[in-house]
Amino acid sequence: MGPVADHPLSSSRPDLQPQGVAPAIAVIGTDAGGLASLAAASLALVAQADLVAAPKRLLAGLPAWWELEQATGRLQISQPCPALVATDQPDAAFTQIEAARAAGQRAVVLASGDPLWFGIGRLLLQRFSASALAFQPAPSSMQLAFARIGRPWQDASWISLHGRDSEALASALQKRPAALAVLTDPQQGGAAAVRTLLRASGLEASYAFWLGERLGHPAERVQRLAPQTPLPADLDPLNLVLLVAEPPAPPADPGDLPLFGLEDGLFLQLPDRPGLMTKREVRIQVLADLELPATGVLWDLGAGVGSIGLEALRLRPGLELWALEQRGGSASLISANAIRLGVTPAGVMEGRAPEALAALPDPDRVVIGGGGSERAAVLAAVIERLRPGGRVVIPLATIEALAELRPLLERAGFALGVSQHQAWRGAPLADGTRLAPLNPVLVLKGCKP
């Protein structure tokens, strides 16, 4: 290998290229402040450019800036204003950049934020070699947004809706991220579409909705909008949305809640596993399949946040609910959700099934969630303890789990039922609504003779 200086990537500085090598294309990131936000070194590259390519909104002020810099002499600009090319149509702009480089001219590309983060950098790398490009990123809009609200963002997720429909956002919300930055697209519904989908997912109460506009510009605006607050009438198209998870406010009166089919966002979540709960559509089906009696004992095993068992108590207050979840801290979480819903379980326990079942009274109804490798042993214990005429309902994510558990119920003489449930939730599009799928769920139920 030759000296380091001979390597094509040895210098990322466009002003330090070896003789005889066409100067690298300087790809300079800016915030919404445009040229006014650039460091002196980056401004010097612009001042030396023969061609500047940028979005139209950044190009508009460049001739006046050029005249001002020449008049004040701050950058010692001697040449006239460079050729200006709009990158709103990238292919046409790239053709002119190639021609400038072939003529030995210096080209500068101005881009928003970090050009390699949902920016023009990806398209440039498809057209030019990496050695022909020198990237100088500015803080991304996501970084600026989290800085403005003063929240660490190492646990944040992000998604871009530019040129995309909202199905990806619907899928991301199913996972209940701790924080989610959404790069909006006015042509795909913009911030309004994000809010509509958040509401359709039943999570409006679980996320703070932050709207950032023109981040980095002197007239930037960052505000938190309450669910009932309309979007600004003068909403700038250059915006993004931050969704930051927070505990939903408790209902003013649990008696005012729907009898059942509560929104997912009403429940407090396990901090290490947000979204680990039976979704509303499946929860409704499981409650129906349990055929809850007016009185008796209900076991909710692998209770998660307690959503199924607690809703069962709202339907049948005379039931004796025993909720069991192995994750640390789950007992206090389920108890807190019980208070929010205005119900009182007979017992909420942390422990592993089947060992922890020995301390519980024999059940009339059982719902088994989770279980993992122990699910067969858990079901075997349930079969033994379930009272005659009792019912067990098991929502399952895989056909392998169904194949493992169904024979246990068959051999025990249970009357069986198997169903598969697929639900979709409406997701807004720019010109209508599409249906975003939830994960399909198999439901295995059995009635003991």
Protein backbone atom coordinates (compact mmCIF):
# COMPACT_ATOMS: atom_id res chain seq x y z
CA MET A 1 0.00 0.00 0.00
CA GLY A 2 1.34 3.47 -0.85
CA PRO A 3 1.51 6.46 1.47
CA VAL A 4 -1.71 7.42 3.15
CA ALA A 5 -1.85 10.59 1.08
CA ASP A 6 -2.19 8.48 -2.09
CA HIS A 7 -5.38 6.81 -0.89
CA PRO A 8 -8.50 8.18 -2.66
CA LEU A 9 -10.18 8.71 0.70
CA SER A 10 -7.17 10.24 2.38
CA SER A 11 -8.73 13.71 2.53
CA SER A 12 -12.35 14.63 3.05
CA ARG A 13 -11.50 18.34 2.67
CA PRO A 14 -12.42 19.64 -0.79
CA ASP A 15 -9.69 22.30 -0.49
CA LEU A 16 -6.96 19.73 0.18
CA GLN A 17 -7.30 17.45 -2.85
CA PRO A 18 -4.11 16.28 -4.61
CA GLN A 19 -3.09 18.15 -7.76
CA GLY A 20 -4.71 16.82 -10.89
CA VAL A 21 -7.68 15.44 -8.99
CA ALA A 22 -11.03 17.15 -9.49
CA PRO A 23 -12.05 18.89 -6.28
CA ALA A 24 -14.48 16.93 -4.18
CA ILE A 25 -18.10 18.00 -4.07
CA ALA A 26 -18.65 19.66 -0.71
CA VAL A 27 -21.97 18.48 0.70
CA ILE A 28 -22.73 20.86 3.53
CA GLY A 29 -25.60 20.39 5.94
CA THR A 30 -27.53 23.36 7.28
CA ASP A 31 -30.43 23.82 9.63
CA ALA A 32 -33.45 25.94 8.71
CA GLY A 33 -31.33 29.05 9.23
CA GLY A 34 -29.53 28.28 5.98
CA LEU A 35 -26.31 30.18 5.27
CA ALA A 36 -26.68 32.24 8.44
CA SER A 37 -26.12 29.08 10.51
CA LEU A 38 -22.97 27.87 8.76
CA ALA A 39 -19.53 27.95 10.34
CA ALA A 40 -16.86 30.15 8.81
CA ALA A 41 -15.04 27.21 7.19
CA SER A 42 -18.22 26.06 5.47
CA LEU A 43 -19.03 29.61 4.34
CA ALA A 44 -15.56 29.83 2.81
CA LEU A 45 -16.28 26.76 0.69
CA VAL A 46 -19.51 28.35 -0.53
CA ALA A 47 -17.63 31.57 -1.29
CA GLN A 48 -15.10 29.67 -3.45
CA ALA A 49 -17.74 27.66 -5.34
CA ASP A 50 -18.37 27.91 -9.06
CA LEU A 51 -21.69 26.10 -8.66
CA VAL A 52 -24.02 25.84 -5.68
CA ALA A 53 -26.80 23.26 -5.65
CA ALA A 54 -29.47 23.47 -2.97
CA PRO A 55 -33.21 23.28 -2.39
CA LYS A 56 -35.06 26.29 -3.78
CA ARG A 57 -35.82 27.60 -0.31
CA LEU A 58 -32.06 27.87 0.40
CA LEU A 59 -31.12 29.25 -3.01
CA ALA A 60 -33.52 32.18 -2.76
CA GLY A 61 -31.36 34.21 -0.42
CA LEU A 62 -27.96 33.34 -1.86
CA PRO A 63 -27.54 36.20 -4.40
CA ALA A 64 -28.30 38.81 -1.72
CA TRP A 65 -25.91 37.07 0.67
CA TRP A 66 -23.22 37.07 -1.99
CA GLU A 67 -23.59 40.80 -2.61
CA LEU A 68 -23.49 41.52 1.12
CA GLU A 69 -20.34 39.47 1.64
CA GLN A 70 -18.63 41.19 -1.31
CA ALA A 71 -19.64 44.60 0.01
CA THR A 72 -18.40 43.95 3.55
CA GLY A 73 -15.31 42.01 2.49
CA ARG A 74 -15.76 39.49 5.29
CA LEU A 75 -15.04 36.49 3.07
CA GLN A 76 -12.94 38.32 0.45
CA ILE A 77 -15.16 37.14 -2.39
CA SER A 78 -13.78 38.27 -5.74
CA GLN A 79 -15.73 36.16 -8.24
CA PRO A 80 -19.35 36.77 -9.23
CA CYS A 81 -22.21 34.81 -7.74
CA PRO A 82 -21.85 31.15 -8.76
CA ALA A 83 -24.26 29.21 -10.90
CA LEU A 84 -27.26 28.18 -8.84
CA VAL A 85 -28.95 24.82 -9.30
CA ALA A 86 -32.07 23.62 -7.49
CA THR A 87 -31.84 20.09 -6.11
CA ASP A 88 -35.62 19.74 -5.90
CA GLN A 89 -35.17 17.79 -9.16
CA PRO A 90 -32.03 15.81 -8.21
CA ASP A 91 -31.23 14.17 -11.55
CA ALA A 92 -31.13 17.46 -13.42
CA ALA A 93 -28.99 19.02 -10.69
CA PHE A 94 -26.58 16.09 -10.68
CA THR A 95 -26.06 16.42 -14.42
CA GLN A 96 -24.96 20.03 -13.97
CA ILE A 97 -22.70 19.07 -11.05
CA GLU A 98 -21.02 16.42 -13.24
CA ALA A 99 -20.44 19.00 -15.97
CA ALA A 100 -18.92 21.43 -13.47
CA ARG A 101 -16.54 18.78 -12.16
CA ALA A 102 -15.54 17.80 -15.70
CA ALA A 103 -14.60 21.44 -16.26
CA GLY A 104 -12.50 21.45 -13.09
CA GLN A 105 -14.91 23.68 -11.22
CA ARG A 106 -15.78 23.58 -7.54
CA ALA A 107 -19.30 22.41 -6.65
CA VAL A 108 -21.06 22.78 -3.33
CA VAL A 109 -24.30 21.06 -2.37
CA LEU A 110 -26.30 22.55 0.49
CA ALA A 111 -28.64 20.14 2.24
CA SER A 112 -30.91 20.04 5.25
CA GLY A 113 -29.40 18.74 8.48
CA ASP A 114 -27.31 15.63 8.05
CA PRO A 115 -27.30 14.83 4.29
CA LEU A 116 -26.78 11.14 5.10
CA TRP A 117 -29.84 10.93 7.37
CA PHE A 118 -32.95 10.76 5.18
CA GLY A 119 -31.29 13.38 3.00
CA ILE A 120 -29.80 13.92 -0.43
CA GLY A 121 -26.60 12.08 0.55
CA ARG A 122 -28.06 8.71 -0.41
CA LEU A 123 -28.91 9.92 -3.92
CA LEU A 124 -25.52 11.56 -4.34
CA LEU A 125 -23.78 8.29 -3.45
CA GLN A 126 -25.80 6.51 -6.12
CA ARG A 127 -24.52 8.95 -8.74
CA PHE A 128 -20.99 9.79 -7.51
CA SER A 129 -18.26 7.76 -5.84
CA ALA A 130 -17.74 8.24 -2.11
CA SER A 131 -14.26 9.64 -2.82
CA ALA A 132 -15.83 12.42 -4.89
CA LEU A 133 -17.97 13.63 -2.00
CA ALA A 134 -16.98 15.43 1.20
CA PHE A 135 -19.81 15.47 3.73
CA GLN A 136 -20.08 18.12 6.43
CA PRO A 137 -23.26 17.36 8.35
CA ALA A 138 -25.19 19.78 10.49
CA PRO A 139 -27.28 18.55 13.42
CA SER A 140 -30.26 16.66 12.06
CA SER A 141 -33.78 17.93 12.64
CA MET A 142 -34.24 15.04 15.05
CA GLN A 143 -31.23 16.13 17.12
CA LEU A 144 -32.41 19.73 17.17
CA ALA A 145 -35.94 18.74 18.16
CA PHE A 146 -34.83 16.66 21.14
CA ALA A 147 -32.41 19.41 22.15
CA ARG A 148 -35.23 21.94 22.14
CA ILE A 149 -37.40 19.88 24.49
CA GLY A 150 -34.41 18.87 26.63
CA ARG A 151 -34.76 15.10 26.35
CA PRO A 152 -31.99 12.53 25.72
CA TRP A 153 -32.61 10.73 22.44
CA GLN A 154 -30.40 7.64 22.57
CA ASP A 155 -33.51 5.48 23.08
CA ALA A 156 -35.51 7.19 20.34
CA SER A 157 -36.72 5.64 17.11
CA TRP A 158 -37.40 7.52 13.92
CA ILE A 159 -39.38 7.11 10.77
CA SER A 160 -39.70 9.11 7.57
CA LEU A 161 -43.03 9.55 5.81
CA HIS A 162 -41.51 11.33 2.81
CA GLY A 163 -43.00 9.64 -0.21
CA ARG A 164 -44.36 6.84 1.98
CA ASP A 165 -47.78 5.96 3.31
CA SER A 166 -48.44 5.69 7.03
CA GLU A 167 -48.40 1.89 7.38
CA ALA A 168 -44.82 2.00 8.66
CA LEU A 169 -45.87 4.49 11.34
CA ALA A 170 -48.75 2.26 12.39
CA SER A 171 -46.35 -0.68 12.76
CA ALA A 172 -43.90 1.44 14.75
CA LEU A 173 -46.62 2.53 17.16
CA GLN A 174 -47.58 -1.09 17.84
CA LYS A 175 -44.15 -1.49 19.44
CA ARG A 176 -44.81 1.44 21.78
CA PRO A 177 -41.41 3.17 21.38
CA ALA A 178 -40.17 5.33 24.24
CA ALA A 179 -39.81 8.20 21.78
CA LEU A 180 -40.45 8.45 18.07
CA ALA A 181 -39.39 11.19 15.66
CA VAL A 182 -41.60 11.39 12.58
CA LEU A 183 -40.31 13.23 9.52
CA THR A 184 -43.54 14.42 8.00
CA ASP A 185 -44.49 14.91 4.37
CA PRO A 186 -47.19 17.50 3.56
CA GLN A 187 -48.04 15.47 0.46
CA GLN A 188 -48.83 12.46 2.69
CA GLY A 189 -51.00 14.29 5.22
CA GLY A 190 -48.18 15.84 7.26
CA ALA A 191 -48.50 16.31 11.00
CA ALA A 192 -52.29 15.91 10.79
CA ALA A 193 -51.85 12.34 9.52
CA VAL A 194 -49.54 11.51 12.44
CA ARG A 195 -52.09 12.80 14.94
CA THR A 196 -54.95 10.94 13.24
CA LEU A 197 -53.05 7.66 13.29
CA LEU A 198 -52.03 8.14 16.92
CA ARG A 199 -55.70 8.60 17.80
CA ALA A 200 -56.76 5.61 15.68
CA SER A 201 -54.20 3.45 17.50
CA GLY A 202 -55.78 4.34 20.85
CA LEU A 203 -52.50 5.86 22.04
CA GLU A 204 -53.27 9.57 22.09
CA ALA A 205 -53.27 9.57 25.90
CA SER A 206 -49.91 7.75 26.04
CA TYR A 207 -47.75 10.16 24.04
CA ALA A 208 -46.86 13.80 24.27
CA PHE A 209 -47.22 15.34 20.80
CA TRP A 210 -44.44 17.83 20.06
CA LEU A 211 -44.41 19.83 16.85
CA GLY A 212 -41.17 21.42 15.62
CA GLU A 213 -41.13 23.92 12.74
CA ARG A 214 -38.18 25.53 10.91
CA LEU A 215 -35.69 24.13 13.41
CA GLY A 216 -32.53 26.24 13.46
CA HIS A 217 -34.21 29.26 11.90
CA PRO A 218 -34.52 32.47 13.95
CA ALA A 219 -38.28 32.06 13.63
CA GLU A 220 -38.34 28.40 14.65
CA ARG A 221 -41.28 27.19 16.71
CA VAL A 222 -41.47 24.18 19.01
CA GLN A 223 -44.66 23.48 20.92
CA ARG A 224 -46.46 20.68 22.67
CA LEU A 225 -50.02 20.24 21.50
CA ALA A 226 -52.73 18.76 23.70
CA PRO A 227 -55.03 16.23 21.98
CA GLN A 228 -57.83 18.79 21.65
CA THR A 229 -55.57 21.60 20.40
CA PRO A 230 -55.75 22.11 16.61
CA LEU A 231 -52.63 22.26 14.51
CA PRO A 232 -51.43 25.81 13.83
CA ALA A 233 -53.24 27.49 10.97
CA ASP A 234 -49.87 28.78 9.76
CA LEU A 235 -48.09 25.41 10.09
CA ASP A 236 -44.78 25.57 8.25
CA PRO A 237 -44.28 22.69 5.76
CA LEU A 238 -40.75 22.26 7.15
CA ASN A 239 -41.76 20.41 10.30
CA LEU A 240 -41.41 17.18 12.21
CA VAL A 241 -43.30 15.53 15.05
CA LEU A 242 -41.86 14.04 18.24
CA LEU A 243 -43.97 11.47 20.06
CA VAL A 244 -42.67 11.01 23.60
CA ALA A 245 -44.17 8.26 25.74
CA GLU A 246 -45.54 9.25 29.11
CA PRO A 247 -47.92 7.66 31.62
CA PRO A 248 -51.47 8.39 30.52
CA ALA A 249 -53.47 10.59 32.86
CA PRO A 250 -55.83 8.59 35.07
CA PRO A 251 -59.51 8.84 34.16
CA ALA A 252 -61.37 11.44 36.20
CA ASP A 253 -64.04 8.85 36.98
CA PRO A 254 -63.53 5.14 36.14
CA GLY A 255 -67.30 4.83 35.97
CA ASP A 256 -67.31 7.00 32.86
CA LEU A 257 -65.09 4.55 30.94
CA PRO A 258 -66.63 2.19 28.40
CA LEU A 259 -67.82 -1.06 29.94
CA PHE A 260 -65.19 -3.00 28.00
CA GLY A 261 -62.99 -2.68 24.96
CA LEU A 262 -60.83 -0.02 26.59
CA GLU A 263 -58.24 1.75 24.45
CA ASP A 264 -54.72 0.32 24.70
CA GLY A 265 -53.32 3.70 25.67
CA LEU A 266 -55.31 3.80 28.91
CA PHE A 267 -53.11 1.18 30.57
CA LEU A 268 -49.80 1.91 32.25
CA GLN A 269 -47.02 -0.09 30.63
CA LEU A 270 -44.02 -2.13 31.77
CA PRO A 271 -41.10 0.29 31.31
CA ASP A 272 -38.80 -2.37 29.84
CA ARG A 273 -41.43 -3.87 27.54
CA PRO A 274 -43.82 -1.14 26.38
CA GLY A 275 -46.65 -2.52 24.28
CA LEU A 276 -46.45 -5.98 25.88
CA MET A 277 -50.18 -6.35 26.28
CA THR A 278 -53.13 -7.95 24.57
CA LYS A 279 -54.36 -5.46 22.00
CA ARG A 280 -57.93 -4.19 22.25
CA GLU A 281 -59.33 -6.21 19.35
CA VAL A 282 -57.96 -9.52 20.67
CA ARG A 283 -58.84 -8.62 24.25
CA ILE A 284 -62.49 -8.23 23.29
CA GLN A 285 -62.48 -11.68 21.67
CA VAL A 286 -60.79 -13.35 24.64
CA LEU A 287 -63.29 -11.83 27.06
CA ALA A 288 -66.13 -13.15 24.91
CA ASP A 289 -64.59 -16.64 24.68
CA LEU A 290 -64.19 -16.81 28.48
CA GLU A 291 -67.99 -16.64 28.87
CA LEU A 292 -67.50 -15.03 32.25
CA PRO A 293 -69.82 -16.18 35.05
CA ALA A 294 -71.27 -13.74 37.60
CA THR A 295 -69.13 -15.28 40.34
CA GLY A 296 -66.16 -17.65 40.59
CA VAL A 297 -62.38 -17.58 40.33
CA LEU A 298 -60.50 -16.19 37.33
CA TRP A 299 -56.80 -16.77 36.79
CA ASP A 300 -54.95 -14.33 34.51
CA LEU A 301 -51.59 -16.02 33.94
CA GLY A 302 -48.84 -14.07 32.22
CA ALA A 303 -51.02 -11.08 32.97
CA GLY A 304 -48.68 -8.46 31.49
CA VAL A 305 -50.25 -5.13 32.44
CA GLY A 306 -53.42 -6.89 33.63
CA SER A 307 -55.64 -5.72 30.79
CA ILE A 308 -57.70 -8.91 30.29
CA GLY A 309 -58.30 -9.74 33.95
CA LEU A 310 -59.05 -6.15 34.94
CA GLU A 311 -61.55 -5.70 32.11
CA ALA A 312 -63.15 -8.96 33.16
CA LEU A 313 -63.71 -7.46 36.62
CA ARG A 314 -65.45 -4.48 35.06
CA LEU A 315 -67.81 -6.88 33.31
CA ARG A 316 -68.26 -9.22 36.29
CA PRO A 317 -67.47 -7.43 39.58
CA GLY A 318 -68.39 -10.59 41.52
CA LEU A 319 -65.42 -12.53 40.10
CA GLU A 320 -62.35 -13.28 42.18
CA LEU A 321 -59.37 -12.29 40.01
CA TRP A 322 -55.89 -13.66 40.58
CA ALA A 323 -53.28 -12.10 38.30
CA LEU A 324 -49.82 -13.64 37.92
CA GLU A 325 -46.88 -12.12 36.06
CA GLN A 326 -43.21 -13.06 36.41
CA ARG A 327 -41.61 -9.70 35.52
CA GLY A 328 -40.31 -7.66 38.41
CA GLY A 329 -42.45 -4.64 39.20
CA SER A 330 -45.49 -6.09 37.48
CA ALA A 331 -47.53 -6.44 40.66
CA SER A 332 -47.40 -2.72 41.42
CA LEU A 333 -48.13 -1.89 37.77
CA ILE A 334 -51.19 -4.16 37.59
CA SER A 335 -52.41 -2.81 40.93
CA ALA A 336 -52.04 0.75 39.61
CA ASN A 337 -54.03 -0.15 36.50
CA ALA A 338 -56.71 -1.70 38.72
CA ILE A 339 -57.06 1.60 40.57
CA ARG A 340 -57.34 3.46 37.26
CA LEU A 341 -60.17 1.15 36.21
CA GLY A 342 -61.93 1.19 39.57
CA VAL A 343 -61.68 -2.58 40.25
CA THR A 344 -60.12 -4.67 43.02
CA PRO A 345 -58.40 -8.00 42.23
CA ALA A 346 -58.37 -10.71 44.88
CA GLY A 347 -54.61 -11.02 44.40
CA VAL A 348 -51.79 -9.76 42.17
CA MET A 349 -48.63 -11.84 42.32
CA GLU A 350 -45.16 -11.89 40.85
CA GLY A 351 -43.89 -15.39 40.15
CA ARG A 352 -43.51 -18.15 37.61
CA ALA A 353 -46.16 -20.61 36.60
CA PRO A 354 -46.74 -23.44 37.19
CA GLU A 355 -44.89 -23.26 40.57
CA ALA A 356 -46.79 -20.19 41.82
CA LEU A 357 -50.19 -21.70 41.06
CA ALA A 358 -50.12 -23.86 44.18
CA ALA A 359 -51.06 -20.86 46.32
CA LEU A 360 -54.18 -20.00 44.29
CA PRO A 361 -57.74 -21.30 44.72
CA ASP A 362 -59.04 -23.62 41.99
CA PRO A 363 -60.25 -21.59 39.01
CA ASP A 364 -63.49 -21.47 37.03
CA ARG A 365 -61.92 -19.48 34.22
CA VAL A 366 -58.30 -19.20 33.08
CA VAL A 367 -56.58 -17.06 30.46
CA ILE A 368 -52.98 -17.97 29.66
CA GLY A 369 -50.72 -15.37 28.08
CA GLY A 370 -47.03 -15.77 27.36
CA GLY A 371 -45.64 -18.95 28.92
CA GLY A 372 -42.80 -19.52 26.46
CA SER A 373 -41.07 -22.85 26.92
CA GLU A 374 -43.12 -23.52 30.07
CA ARG A 375 -46.51 -23.15 28.41
CA ALA A 376 -47.19 -26.90 28.16
CA ALA A 377 -46.42 -27.37 31.87
CA VAL A 378 -48.61 -24.39 32.73
CA LEU A 379 -51.52 -25.75 30.71
CA ALA A 380 -51.10 -29.20 32.28
CA ALA A 381 -51.41 -27.61 35.74
CA VAL A 382 -54.46 -25.65 34.62
CA ILE A 383 -56.13 -28.79 33.24
CA GLU A 384 -55.67 -30.50 36.59
CA ARG A 385 -56.91 -27.57 38.69
CA LEU A 386 -59.74 -26.23 36.53
CA ARG A 387 -63.16 -26.93 38.00
CA PRO A 388 -65.68 -29.01 36.01
CA GLY A 389 -67.39 -26.87 33.40
CA GLY A 390 -64.55 -24.38 33.58
CA ARG A 391 -63.02 -22.68 30.55
CA VAL A 392 -59.46 -21.91 29.53
CA VAL A 393 -58.65 -19.44 26.75
CA ILE A 394 -55.16 -19.08 25.27
CA PRO A 395 -54.22 -16.41 22.71
CA LEU A 396 -51.24 -17.63 20.66
CA ALA A 397 -48.88 -15.98 18.22
CA THR A 398 -47.64 -19.09 16.37
CA ILE A 399 -49.06 -22.26 14.85
CA GLU A 400 -46.29 -24.21 16.62
CA ALA A 401 -47.71 -23.18 19.97
CA LEU A 402 -51.16 -24.29 18.84
CA ALA A 403 -49.78 -27.65 17.71
CA GLU A 404 -48.13 -28.10 21.12
CA LEU A 405 -51.08 -27.19 23.34
CA ARG A 406 -54.13 -28.44 21.50
CA PRO A 407 -53.33 -32.17 22.02
CA LEU A 408 -53.12 -31.62 25.80
CA LEU A 409 -56.71 -30.38 25.87
CA GLU A 410 -57.89 -33.11 23.50
CA ARG A 411 -56.41 -35.89 25.64
CA ALA A 412 -58.07 -34.39 28.71
CA GLY A 413 -61.46 -34.58 27.00
CA PHE A 414 -62.01 -30.83 26.70
CA ALA A 415 -64.47 -29.45 24.16
CA LEU A 416 -62.27 -27.38 21.88
CA GLY A 417 -62.51 -24.27 19.78
CA VAL A 418 -59.83 -22.74 17.59
CA SER A 419 -60.07 -19.42 15.80
CA GLN A 420 -57.75 -17.01 14.09
CA HIS A 421 -58.18 -13.25 14.35
CA GLN A 422 -56.71 -10.55 12.15
CA ALA A 423 -57.60 -6.94 12.76
CA TRP A 424 -56.75 -3.80 10.83
CA ARG A 425 -56.77 -0.22 11.99
CA GLY A 426 -57.46 2.70 9.73
CA ALA A 427 -54.36 4.66 8.75
CA PRO A 428 -54.73 8.02 6.98
CA LEU A 429 -53.39 8.59 3.50
CA ALA A 430 -53.14 11.88 1.68
CA ASP A 431 -56.31 11.05 -0.25
CA GLY A 432 -58.17 8.69 2.07
CA THR A 433 -57.69 5.83 4.50
CA ARG A 434 -55.90 2.52 4.25
CA LEU A 435 -55.98 -0.39 6.68
CA ALA A 436 -52.82 -1.14 8.67
CA PRO A 437 -52.70 -4.74 9.95
CA LEU A 438 -52.13 -5.83 13.54
CA ASN A 439 -50.35 -9.11 14.19
CA PRO A 440 -52.67 -12.08 13.63
CA VAL A 441 -53.53 -14.10 16.74
CA LEU A 442 -54.75 -17.68 17.18
CA VAL A 443 -57.16 -18.32 20.04
CA LEU A 444 -57.37 -21.79 21.55
CA LYS A 445 -60.22 -22.39 24.00
CA GLY A 446 -61.34 -25.42 25.89
CA CYS A 447 -64.19 -26.36 28.21
CA LYS A 448 -63.59 -28.99 30.87
CA PRO A 449 -66.21 -31.74 31.04
